Amino acid sequence: MAKLKIKSGDTVIVTAGDHKGSEGRVMRVFREENKAIVEGVNLVKKHQKPSAANPQGGISEKEAPIHVSNLALKDPQSGEATRVGYRMEGEKKVRFAKKSNQVL
């Protein structure tokens, strides 16, 4: 399992694919599959059969996972896509944006 540089709660920009340019907050990360669910990005329609919880049934929209290679962290200073680095600040290991050198 590879170490991912994207965590839940990060704001990311989609760099490739049908949703290129859109941005959102990471809701969940699947490390085994190298995928993440981003709020409001990669929406798919799901047909639902009527059930006790949803007696009407119908078509609902929900976010589908998107591969992390198509995501880049949003720089807090400039708002552009940036790469992530790690460094030690005292005893603590911190993530920082390589574009602005700012701690995330």
PDB file of N, CA and C in Angstrom:
ATOM      1  N   MET A   1       0.839  -1.182   0.000  1.00  0.00           N
ATOM      2  CA  MET A   1       0.000   0.000   0.000  1.00  0.00           C
ATOM      3  C   MET A   1       0.886   1.249   0.000  1.00  0.00           C
ATOM      4  N   ALA A   2       0.687   2.097  -0.984  1.00  0.00           N
ATOM      5  CA  ALA A   2       1.497   3.299  -1.095  1.00  0.00           C
ATOM      6  C   ALA A   2       1.013   4.371  -0.124  1.00  0.00           C
ATOM      7  N   LYS A   3       1.924   5.251   0.286  1.00  0.00           N
ATOM      8  CA  LYS A   3       1.551   6.367   1.150  1.00  0.00           C
ATOM      9  C   LYS A   3       0.915   7.442   0.289  1.00  0.00           C
ATOM     10  N   LEU A   4      -0.275   7.873   0.668  1.00  0.00           N
ATOM     11  CA  LEU A   4      -0.975   8.911  -0.084  1.00  0.00           C
ATOM     12  C   LEU A   4      -0.721  10.261   0.557  1.00  0.00           C
ATOM     13  N   LYS A   5      -0.607  11.283  -0.275  1.00  0.00           N
ATOM     14  CA  LYS A   5      -0.346  12.622   0.233  1.00  0.00           C
ATOM     15  C   LYS A   5      -1.630  13.417   0.396  1.00  0.00           C
ATOM     16  N   ILE A   6      -2.764  12.755   0.146  1.00  0.00           N
ATOM     17  CA  ILE A   6      -4.071  13.404   0.282  1.00  0.00           C
ATOM     18  C   ILE A   6      -4.796  12.773   1.457  1.00  0.00           C
ATOM     19  N   LYS A   7      -5.366  13.607   2.314  1.00  0.00           N
ATOM     20  CA  LYS A   7      -6.078  13.115   3.487  1.00  0.00           C
ATOM     21  C   LYS A   7      -7.509  13.638   3.477  1.00  0.00           C
ATOM     22  N   SER A   8      -8.380  13.031   4.292  1.00  0.00           N
ATOM     23  CA  SER A   8      -9.760  13.503   4.402  1.00  0.00           C
ATOM     24  C   SER A   8      -9.748  14.925   4.942  1.00  0.00           C
ATOM     25  N   GLY A   9     -10.625  15.753   4.389  1.00  0.00           N
ATOM     26  CA  GLY A   9     -10.709  17.141   4.831  1.00  0.00           C
ATOM     27  C   GLY A   9      -9.887  18.095   3.981  1.00  0.00           C
ATOM     28  N   ASP A  10      -8.957  17.587   3.167  1.00  0.00           N
ATOM     29  CA  ASP A  10      -8.157  18.444   2.284  1.00  0.00           C
ATOM     30  C   ASP A  10      -9.032  19.006   1.169  1.00  0.00           C
ATOM     31  N   THR A  11      -8.700  20.196   0.711  1.00  0.00           N
ATOM     32  CA  THR A  11      -9.344  20.753  -0.468  1.00  0.00           C
ATOM     33  C   THR A  11      -8.457  20.427  -1.662  1.00  0.00           C
ATOM     34  N   VAL A  12      -9.045  19.783  -2.677  1.00  0.00           N
ATOM     35  CA  VAL A  12      -8.265  19.333  -3.827  1.00  0.00           C
ATOM     36  C   VAL A  12      -8.849  19.873  -5.131  1.00  0.00           C
ATOM     37  N   ILE A  13      -8.009  19.871  -6.170  1.00  0.00           N
ATOM     38  CA  ILE A  13      -8.400  20.272  -7.518  1.00  0.00           C
ATOM     39  C   ILE A  13      -8.235  19.045  -8.409  1.00  0.00           C
ATOM     40  N   VAL A  14      -9.217  18.783  -9.273  1.00  0.00           N
ATOM     41  CA  VAL A  14      -9.125  17.655 -10.199  1.00  0.00           C
ATOM     42  C   VAL A  14      -8.266  18.100 -11.382  1.00  0.00           C
ATOM     43  N   THR A  15      -7.203  17.336 -11.681  1.00  0.00           N
ATOM     44  CA  THR A  15      -6.242  17.735 -12.713  1.00  0.00           C
ATOM     45  C   THR A  15      -6.459  17.029 -14.044  1.00  0.00           C
ATOM     46  N   ALA A  16      -7.261  15.946 -14.075  1.00  0.00           N
ATOM     47  CA  ALA A  16      -7.457  15.200 -15.316  1.00  0.00           C
ATOM     48  C   ALA A  16      -8.821  14.545 -15.313  1.00  0.00           C
ATOM     49  N   GLY A  17      -9.296  14.214 -16.510  1.00  0.00           N
ATOM     50  CA  GLY A  17     -10.557  13.500 -16.628  1.00  0.00           C
ATOM     51  C   GLY A  17     -11.724  14.417 -16.946  1.00  0.00           C
ATOM     52  N   ASP A  18     -12.930  13.859 -16.858  1.00  0.00           N
ATOM     53  CA  ASP A  18     -14.142  14.600 -17.204  1.00  0.00           C
ATOM     54  C   ASP A  18     -14.391  15.793 -16.292  1.00  0.00           C
ATOM     55  N   HIS A  19     -13.923  15.731 -15.054  1.00  0.00           N
ATOM     56  CA  HIS A  19     -14.210  16.782 -14.073  1.00  0.00           C
ATOM     57  C   HIS A  19     -13.009  17.690 -13.849  1.00  0.00           C
ATOM     58  N   LYS A  20     -12.107  17.768 -14.833  1.00  0.00           N
ATOM     59  CA  LYS A  20     -10.892  18.561 -14.720  1.00  0.00           C
ATOM     60  C   LYS A  20     -11.232  20.009 -14.393  1.00  0.00           C
ATOM     61  N   GLY A  21     -10.524  20.570 -13.412  1.00  0.00           N
ATOM     62  CA  GLY A  21     -10.725  21.962 -13.033  1.00  0.00           C
ATOM     63  C   GLY A  21     -11.658  22.147 -11.854  1.00  0.00           C
ATOM     64  N   SER A  22     -12.505  21.151 -11.577  1.00  0.00           N
ATOM     65  CA  SER A  22     -13.412  21.310 -10.442  1.00  0.00           C
ATOM     66  C   SER A  22     -12.659  21.021  -9.150  1.00  0.00           C
ATOM     67  N   GLU A  23     -13.163  21.591  -8.062  1.00  0.00           N
ATOM     68  CA  GLU A  23     -12.514  21.389  -6.781  1.00  0.00           C
ATOM     69  C   GLU A  23     -13.540  21.060  -5.717  1.00  0.00           C
ATOM     70  N   GLY A  24     -13.068  20.459  -4.648  1.00  0.00           N
ATOM     71  CA  GLY A  24     -13.952  20.078  -3.556  1.00  0.00           C
ATOM     72  C   GLY A  24     -13.154  19.548  -2.386  1.00  0.00           C
ATOM     73  N   ARG A  25     -13.867  19.187  -1.337  1.00  0.00           N
ATOM     74  CA  ARG A  25     -13.252  18.682  -0.122  1.00  0.00           C
ATOM     75  C   ARG A  25     -13.253  17.158  -0.161  1.00  0.00           C
ATOM     76  N   VAL A  26     -12.148  16.558   0.255  1.00  0.00           N
ATOM     77  CA  VAL A  26     -12.052  15.103   0.292  1.00  0.00           C
ATOM     78  C   VAL A  26     -12.878  14.603   1.473  1.00  0.00           C
ATOM     79  N   MET A  27     -13.855  13.725   1.183  1.00  0.00           N
ATOM     80  CA  MET A  27     -14.711  13.191   2.241  1.00  0.00           C
ATOM     81  C   MET A  27     -14.165  11.880   2.783  1.00  0.00           C
ATOM     82  N   ARG A  28     -13.593  11.050   1.899  1.00  0.00           N
ATOM     83  CA  ARG A  28     -13.101   9.742   2.318  1.00  0.00           C
ATOM     84  C   ARG A  28     -11.967   9.306   1.396  1.00  0.00           C
ATOM     85  N   VAL A  29     -10.992   8.593   1.939  1.00  0.00           N
ATOM     86  CA  VAL A  29      -9.862   8.090   1.153  1.00  0.00           C
ATOM     87  C   VAL A  29      -9.821   6.574   1.282  1.00  0.00           C
ATOM     88  N   PHE A  30      -9.689   5.884   0.133  1.00  0.00           N
ATOM     89  CA  PHE A  30      -9.541   4.431   0.104  1.00  0.00           C
ATOM     90  C   PHE A  30      -8.089   4.128  -0.244  1.00  0.00           C
ATOM     91  N   ARG A  31      -7.248   3.865   0.763  1.00  0.00           N
ATOM     92  CA  ARG A  31      -5.815   3.673   0.537  1.00  0.00           C
ATOM     93  C   ARG A  31      -5.518   2.426  -0.281  1.00  0.00           C
ATOM     94  N   GLU A  32      -6.299   1.355  -0.084  1.00  0.00           N
ATOM     95  CA  GLU A  32      -6.017   0.103  -0.793  1.00  0.00           C
ATOM     96  C   GLU A  32      -6.228   0.279  -2.295  1.00  0.00           C
ATOM     97  N   GLU A  33      -7.199   1.100  -2.677  1.00  0.00           N
ATOM     98  CA  GLU A  33      -7.534   1.282  -4.093  1.00  0.00           C
ATOM     99  C   GLU A  33      -6.915   2.540  -4.696  1.00  0.00           C
ATOM    100  N   ASN A  34      -6.208   3.344  -3.884  1.00  0.00           N
ATOM    101  CA  ASN A  34      -5.642   4.636  -4.316  1.00  0.00           C
ATOM    102  C   ASN A  34      -6.721   5.565  -4.862  1.00  0.00           C
ATOM    103  N   LYS A  35      -7.876   5.595  -4.210  1.00  0.00           N
ATOM    104  CA  LYS A  35      -8.981   6.437  -4.654  1.00  0.00           C
ATOM    105  C   LYS A  35      -9.496   7.282  -3.503  1.00  0.00           C
ATOM    106  N   ALA A  36     -10.203   8.354  -3.861  1.00  0.00           N
ATOM    107  CA  ALA A  36     -10.792   9.233  -2.859  1.00  0.00           C
ATOM    108  C   ALA A  36     -12.152   9.708  -3.345  1.00  0.00           C
ATOM    109  N   ILE A  37     -13.040   9.994  -2.407  1.00  0.00           N
ATOM    110  CA  ILE A  37     -14.342  10.565  -2.737  1.00  0.00           C
ATOM    111  C   ILE A  37     -14.258  12.059  -2.453  1.00  0.00           C
ATOM    112  N   VAL A  38     -14.541  12.875  -3.476  1.00  0.00           N
ATOM    113  CA  VAL A  38     -14.469  14.330  -3.362  1.00  0.00           C
ATOM    114  C   VAL A  38     -15.883  14.885  -3.446  1.00  0.00           C
ATOM    115  N   GLU A  39     -16.199  15.791  -2.531  1.00  0.00           N
ATOM    116  CA  GLU A  39     -17.539  16.366  -2.428  1.00  0.00           C
ATOM    117  C   GLU A  39     -17.908  17.123  -3.701  1.00  0.00           C
ATOM    118  N   GLY A  40     -19.012  16.725  -4.338  1.00  0.00           N
ATOM    119  CA  GLY A  40     -19.522  17.430  -5.516  1.00  0.00           C
ATOM    120  C   GLY A  40     -18.804  17.112  -6.814  1.00  0.00           C
ATOM    121  N   VAL A  41     -17.883  16.151  -6.807  1.00  0.00           N
ATOM    122  CA  VAL A  41     -17.120  15.807  -8.009  1.00  0.00           C
ATOM    123  C   VAL A  41     -17.382  14.345  -8.362  1.00  0.00           C
ATOM    124  N   ASN A  42     -17.449  14.034  -9.666  1.00  0.00           N
ATOM    125  CA  ASN A  42     -17.653  12.675 -10.166  1.00  0.00           C
ATOM    126  C   ASN A  42     -18.990  12.109  -9.687  1.00  0.00           C
ATOM    127  N   LEU A  43     -20.056  12.886  -9.880  1.00  0.00           N
ATOM    128  CA  LEU A  43     -21.389  12.452  -9.482  1.00  0.00           C
ATOM    129  C   LEU A  43     -21.908  11.407 -10.449  1.00  0.00           C
ATOM    130  N   VAL A  44     -22.472  10.327  -9.912  1.00  0.00           N
ATOM    131  CA  VAL A  44     -23.077   9.285 -10.733  1.00  0.00           C
ATOM    132  C   VAL A  44     -24.525   9.115 -10.292  1.00  0.00           C
ATOM    133  N   LYS A  45     -25.375   8.700 -11.234  1.00  0.00           N
ATOM    134  CA  LYS A  45     -26.778   8.461 -10.913  1.00  0.00           C
ATOM    135  C   LYS A  45     -26.946   7.002 -10.513  1.00  0.00           C
ATOM    136  N   LYS A  46     -27.630   6.772  -9.405  1.00  0.00           N
ATOM    137  CA  LYS A  46     -27.857   5.414  -8.917  1.00  0.00           C
ATOM    138  C   LYS A  46     -29.363   5.160  -8.892  1.00  0.00           C
ATOM    139  N   HIS A  47     -29.781   4.113  -9.589  1.00  0.00           N
ATOM    140  CA  HIS A  47     -31.196   3.751  -9.616  1.00  0.00           C
ATOM    141  C   HIS A  47     -31.497   2.925  -8.373  1.00  0.00           C
ATOM    142  N   GLN A  48     -32.502   3.352  -7.601  1.00  0.00           N
ATOM    143  CA  GLN A  48     -32.822   2.656  -6.358  1.00  0.00           C
ATOM    144  C   GLN A  48     -34.216   2.061  -6.402  1.00  0.00           C
ATOM    145  N   LYS A  49     -34.291   0.811  -5.993  1.00  0.00           N
ATOM    146  CA  LYS A  49     -35.557   0.114  -5.891  1.00  0.00           C
ATOM    147  C   LYS A  49     -36.312   0.642  -4.666  1.00  0.00           C
ATOM    148  N   PRO A  50     -37.635   0.700  -4.721  1.00  0.00           N
ATOM    149  CA  PRO A  50     -38.366   1.118  -3.519  1.00  0.00           C
ATOM    150  C   PRO A  50     -38.060   0.182  -2.345  1.00  0.00           C
ATOM    151  N   SER A  51     -37.869   0.768  -1.153  1.00  0.00           N
ATOM    152  CA  SER A  51     -37.578  -0.016   0.052  1.00  0.00           C
ATOM    153  C   SER A  51     -38.327   0.621   1.214  1.00  0.00           C
ATOM    154  N   ALA A  52     -38.188   0.045   2.382  1.00  0.00           N
ATOM    155  CA  ALA A  52     -38.850   0.595   3.565  1.00  0.00           C
ATOM    156  C   ALA A  52     -38.307   1.988   3.886  1.00  0.00           C
ATOM    157  N   ALA A  53     -36.997   2.156   3.738  1.00  0.00           N
ATOM    158  CA  ALA A  53     -36.382   3.455   4.024  1.00  0.00           C
ATOM    159  C   ALA A  53     -36.719   4.481   2.947  1.00  0.00           C
ATOM    160  N   ASN A  54     -36.820   4.023   1.697  1.00  0.00           N
ATOM    161  CA  ASN A  54     -37.110   4.914   0.579  1.00  0.00           C
ATOM    162  C   ASN A  54     -38.277   4.312  -0.218  1.00  0.00           C
ATOM    163  N   PRO A  55     -39.527   4.540   0.235  1.00  0.00           N
ATOM    164  CA  PRO A  55     -40.673   3.887  -0.412  1.00  0.00           C
ATOM    165  C   PRO A  55     -40.911   4.338  -1.849  1.00  0.00           C
ATOM    166  N   GLN A  56     -40.437   5.520  -2.198  1.00  0.00           N
ATOM    167  CA  GLN A  56     -40.635   6.052  -3.543  1.00  0.00           C
ATOM    168  C   GLN A  56     -39.667   5.417  -4.548  1.00  0.00           C
ATOM    169  N   GLY A  57     -38.445   5.098  -4.092  1.00  0.00           N
ATOM    170  CA  GLY A  57     -37.428   4.608  -5.022  1.00  0.00           C
ATOM    171  C   GLY A  57     -36.927   5.770  -5.866  1.00  0.00           C
ATOM    172  N   GLY A  58     -36.514   5.506  -7.098  1.00  0.00           N
ATOM    173  CA  GLY A  58     -36.120   6.581  -8.003  1.00  0.00           C
ATOM    174  C   GLY A  58     -34.634   6.601  -8.279  1.00  0.00           C
ATOM    175  N   ILE A  59     -34.170   7.754  -8.768  1.00  0.00           N
ATOM    176  CA  ILE A  59     -32.775   7.919  -9.162  1.00  0.00           C
ATOM    177  C   ILE A  59     -32.134   8.939  -8.232  1.00  0.00           C
ATOM    178  N   SER A  60     -31.030   8.555  -7.595  1.00  0.00           N
ATOM    179  CA  SER A  60     -30.328   9.488  -6.713  1.00  0.00           C
ATOM    180  C   SER A  60     -28.924   9.714  -7.267  1.00  0.00           C
ATOM    181  N   GLU A  61     -28.343  10.859  -6.921  1.00  0.00           N
ATOM    182  CA  GLU A  61     -26.976  11.171  -7.344  1.00  0.00           C
ATOM    183  C   GLU A  61     -26.060  11.048  -6.144  1.00  0.00           C
ATOM    184  N   LYS A  62     -24.902  10.413  -6.348  1.00  0.00           N
ATOM    185  CA  LYS A  62     -23.922  10.329  -5.276  1.00  0.00           C
ATOM    186  C   LYS A  62     -22.521  10.392  -5.877  1.00  0.00           C
ATOM    187  N   GLU A  63     -21.557  10.746  -5.038  1.00  0.00           N
ATOM    188  CA  GLU A  63     -20.175  10.860  -5.496  1.00  0.00           C
ATOM    189  C   GLU A  63     -19.556   9.473  -5.639  1.00  0.00           C
ATOM    190  N   ALA A  64     -18.824   9.277  -6.732  1.00  0.00           N
ATOM    191  CA  ALA A  64     -18.090   8.033  -6.944  1.00  0.00           C
ATOM    192  C   ALA A  64     -16.609   8.308  -6.673  1.00  0.00           C
ATOM    193  N   PRO A  65     -15.842   7.274  -6.289  1.00  0.00           N
ATOM    194  CA  PRO A  65     -14.412   7.491  -6.028  1.00  0.00           C
ATOM    195  C   PRO A  65     -13.674   7.925  -7.297  1.00  0.00           C
ATOM    196  N   ILE A  66     -12.638   8.740  -7.106  1.00  0.00           N
ATOM    197  CA  ILE A  66     -11.798   9.216  -8.210  1.00  0.00           C
ATOM    198  C   ILE A  66     -10.349   8.895  -7.843  1.00  0.00           C
ATOM    199  N   HIS A  67      -9.547   8.508  -8.825  1.00  0.00           N
ATOM    200  CA  HIS A  67      -8.168   8.092  -8.554  1.00  0.00           C
ATOM    201  C   HIS A  67      -7.340   9.273  -8.063  1.00  0.00           C
ATOM    202  N   VAL A  68      -6.476   9.028  -7.065  1.00  0.00           N
ATOM    203  CA  VAL A  68      -5.699  10.114  -6.463  1.00  0.00           C
ATOM    204  C   VAL A  68      -4.680  10.720  -7.430  1.00  0.00           C
ATOM    205  N   SER A  69      -4.308   9.987  -8.492  1.00  0.00           N
ATOM    206  CA  SER A  69      -3.366  10.556  -9.460  1.00  0.00           C
ATOM    207  C   SER A  69      -4.013  11.693 -10.245  1.00  0.00           C
ATOM    208  N   ASN A  70      -5.345  11.771 -10.217  1.00  0.00           N
ATOM    209  CA  ASN A  70      -6.056  12.851 -10.910  1.00  0.00           C
ATOM    210  C   ASN A  70      -6.397  13.999  -9.975  1.00  0.00           C
ATOM    211  N   LEU A  71      -5.864  13.973  -8.762  1.00  0.00           N
ATOM    212  CA  LEU A  71      -6.138  15.018  -7.777  1.00  0.00           C
ATOM    213  C   LEU A  71      -4.849  15.710  -7.374  1.00  0.00           C
ATOM    214  N   ALA A  72      -4.942  17.017  -7.102  1.00  0.00           N
ATOM    215  CA  ALA A  72      -3.809  17.770  -6.569  1.00  0.00           C
ATOM    216  C   ALA A  72      -4.315  18.644  -5.443  1.00  0.00           C
ATOM    217  N   LEU A  73      -3.514  18.783  -4.413  1.00  0.00           N
ATOM    218  CA  LEU A  73      -3.900  19.605  -3.275  1.00  0.00           C
ATOM    219  C   LEU A  73      -3.972  21.071  -3.686  1.00  0.00           C
ATOM    220  N   LYS A  74      -4.925  21.803  -3.143  1.00  0.00           N
ATOM    221  CA  LYS A  74      -5.079  23.230  -3.444  1.00  0.00           C
ATOM    222  C   LYS A  74      -4.194  24.015  -2.488  1.00  0.00           C
ATOM    223  N   ASP A  75      -3.367  24.897  -3.049  1.00  0.00           N
ATOM    224  CA  ASP A  75      -2.467  25.719  -2.251  1.00  0.00           C
ATOM    225  C   ASP A  75      -3.291  26.712  -1.428  1.00  0.00           C
ATOM    226  N   PRO A  76      -3.084  26.774  -0.104  1.00  0.00           N
ATOM    227  CA  PRO A  76      -3.893  27.681   0.712  1.00  0.00           C
ATOM    228  C   PRO A  76      -3.631  29.157   0.410  1.00  0.00           C
ATOM    229  N   GLN A  77      -2.440  29.472  -0.110  1.00  0.00           N
ATOM    230  CA  GLN A  77      -2.091  30.864  -0.360  1.00  0.00           C
ATOM    231  C   GLN A  77      -2.550  31.335  -1.744  1.00  0.00           C
ATOM    232  N   SER A  78      -2.170  30.611  -2.793  1.00  0.00           N
ATOM    233  CA  SER A  78      -2.466  31.065  -4.156  1.00  0.00           C
ATOM    234  C   SER A  78      -3.748  30.470  -4.711  1.00  0.00           C
ATOM    235  N   GLY A  79      -4.219  29.345  -4.140  1.00  0.00           N
ATOM    236  CA  GLY A  79      -5.429  28.700  -4.641  1.00  0.00           C
ATOM    237  C   GLY A  79      -5.191  27.831  -5.862  1.00  0.00           C
ATOM    238  N   GLU A  80      -3.929  27.622  -6.237  1.00  0.00           N
ATOM    239  CA  GLU A  80      -3.596  26.775  -7.386  1.00  0.00           C
ATOM    240  C   GLU A  80      -3.249  25.372  -6.898  1.00  0.00           C
ATOM    241  N   ALA A  81      -3.109  24.441  -7.840  1.00  0.00           N
ATOM    242  CA  ALA A  81      -2.717  23.075  -7.507  1.00  0.00           C
ATOM    243  C   ALA A  81      -1.244  23.065  -7.084  1.00  0.00           C
ATOM    244  N   THR A  82      -0.927  22.284  -6.072  1.00  0.00           N
ATOM    245  CA  THR A  82       0.445  22.208  -5.585  1.00  0.00           C
ATOM    246  C   THR A  82       0.797  20.773  -5.217  1.00  0.00           C
ATOM    247  N   ARG A  83       2.089  20.480  -5.168  1.00  0.00           N
ATOM    248  CA  ARG A  83       2.548  19.183  -4.690  1.00  0.00           C
ATOM    249  C   ARG A  83       2.757  19.278  -3.183  1.00  0.00           C
ATOM    250  N   VAL A  84       2.867  18.121  -2.541  1.00  0.00           N
ATOM    251  CA  VAL A  84       2.977  18.079  -1.091  1.00  0.00           C
ATOM    252  C   VAL A  84       4.348  17.561  -0.701  1.00  0.00           C
ATOM    253  N   GLY A  85       4.954  18.200   0.293  1.00  0.00           N
ATOM    254  CA  GLY A  85       6.224  17.734   0.828  1.00  0.00           C
ATOM    255  C   GLY A  85       6.094  17.527   2.323  1.00  0.00           C
ATOM    256  N   TYR A  86       7.091  16.873   2.905  1.00  0.00           N
ATOM    257  CA  TYR A  86       7.115  16.643   4.349  1.00  0.00           C
ATOM    258  C   TYR A  86       8.418  17.180   4.891  1.00  0.00           C
ATOM    259  N   ARG A  87       8.376  17.742   6.103  1.00  0.00           N
ATOM    260  CA  ARG A  87       9.591  18.190   6.773  1.00  0.00           C
ATOM    261  C   ARG A  87       9.369  18.135   8.279  1.00  0.00           C
ATOM    262  N   MET A  88      10.454  18.160   8.995  1.00  0.00           N
ATOM    263  CA  MET A  88      10.389  18.147  10.451  1.00  0.00           C
ATOM    264  C   MET A  88      10.455  19.591  10.950  1.00  0.00           C
ATOM    265  N   GLU A  89       9.526  19.938  11.820  1.00  0.00           N
ATOM    266  CA  GLU A  89       9.574  21.226  12.505  1.00  0.00           C
ATOM    267  C   GLU A  89       9.662  20.920  13.980  1.00  0.00           C
ATOM    268  N   GLY A  90      10.890  20.968  14.496  1.00  0.00           N
ATOM    269  CA  GLY A  90      11.129  20.536  15.870  1.00  0.00           C
ATOM    270  C   GLY A  90      10.986  19.030  15.941  1.00  0.00           C
ATOM    271  N   GLU A  91      10.092  18.558  16.781  1.00  0.00           N
ATOM    272  CA  GLU A  91       9.841  17.124  16.939  1.00  0.00           C
ATOM    273  C   GLU A  91       8.696  16.643  16.064  1.00  0.00           C
ATOM    274  N   LYS A  92       8.029  17.565  15.379  1.00  0.00           N
ATOM    275  CA  LYS A  92       6.804  17.217  14.655  1.00  0.00           C
ATOM    276  C   LYS A  92       7.038  17.168  13.148  1.00  0.00           C
ATOM    277  N   LYS A  93       6.488  16.140  12.495  1.00  0.00           N
ATOM    278  CA  LYS A  93       6.552  16.011  11.042  1.00  0.00           C
ATOM    279  C   LYS A  93       5.326  16.711  10.465  1.00  0.00           C
ATOM    280  N   VAL A  94       5.538  17.659   9.549  1.00  0.00           N
ATOM    281  CA  VAL A  94       4.413  18.424   8.991  1.00  0.00           C
ATOM    282  C   VAL A  94       4.394  18.306   7.471  1.00  0.00           C
ATOM    283  N   ARG A  95       3.190  18.461   6.901  1.00  0.00           N
ATOM    284  CA  ARG A  95       3.040  18.523   5.445  1.00  0.00           C
ATOM    285  C   ARG A  95       3.108  19.985   5.041  1.00  0.00           C
ATOM    286  N   PHE A  96       3.730  20.249   3.862  1.00  0.00           N
ATOM    287  CA  PHE A  96       3.761  21.632   3.386  1.00  0.00           C
ATOM    288  C   PHE A  96       3.532  21.669   1.886  1.00  0.00           C
ATOM    289  N   ALA A  97       2.983  22.798   1.419  1.00  0.00           N
ATOM    290  CA  ALA A  97       2.739  23.008  -0.003  1.00  0.00           C
ATOM    291  C   ALA A  97       4.052  23.423  -0.649  1.00  0.00           C
ATOM    292  N   LYS A  98       4.450  22.695  -1.694  1.00  0.00           N
ATOM    293  CA  LYS A  98       5.743  22.991  -2.325  1.00  0.00           C
ATOM    294  C   LYS A  98       5.708  24.313  -3.101  1.00  0.00           C
ATOM    295  N   LYS A  99       4.531  24.748  -3.540  1.00  0.00           N
ATOM    296  CA  LYS A  99       4.433  25.976  -4.314  1.00  0.00           C
ATOM    297  C   LYS A  99       4.669  27.212  -3.436  1.00  0.00           C
ATOM    298  N   SER A 100       4.074  27.229  -2.241  1.00  0.00           N
ATOM    299  CA  SER A 100       4.181  28.411  -1.386  1.00  0.00           C
ATOM    300  C   SER A 100       5.014  28.161  -0.129  1.00  0.00           C
ATOM    301  N   ASN A 101       5.460  26.906   0.073  1.00  0.00           N
ATOM    302  CA  ASN A 101       6.262  26.534   1.252  1.00  0.00           C
ATOM    303  C   ASN A 101       5.480  26.727   2.547  1.00  0.00           C
ATOM    304  N   GLN A 102       4.149  26.721   2.473  1.00  0.00           N
ATOM    305  CA  GLN A 102       3.299  26.959   3.641  1.00  0.00           C
ATOM    306  C   GLN A 102       2.861  25.635   4.248  1.00  0.00           C
ATOM    307  N   VAL A 103       2.841  25.555   5.588  1.00  0.00           N
ATOM    308  CA  VAL A 103       2.426  24.333   6.273  1.00  0.00           C
ATOM    309  C   VAL A 103       0.933  24.129   6.090  1.00  0.00           C
ATOM    310  N   LEU A 104       0.558  22.883   5.802  1.00  0.00           N
ATOM    311  CA  LEU A 104      -0.858  22.567   5.585  1.00  0.00           C
ATOM    312  C   LEU A 104      -1.520  22.133   6.883  1.00  0.00           C
TER     313      LEU A 104
END
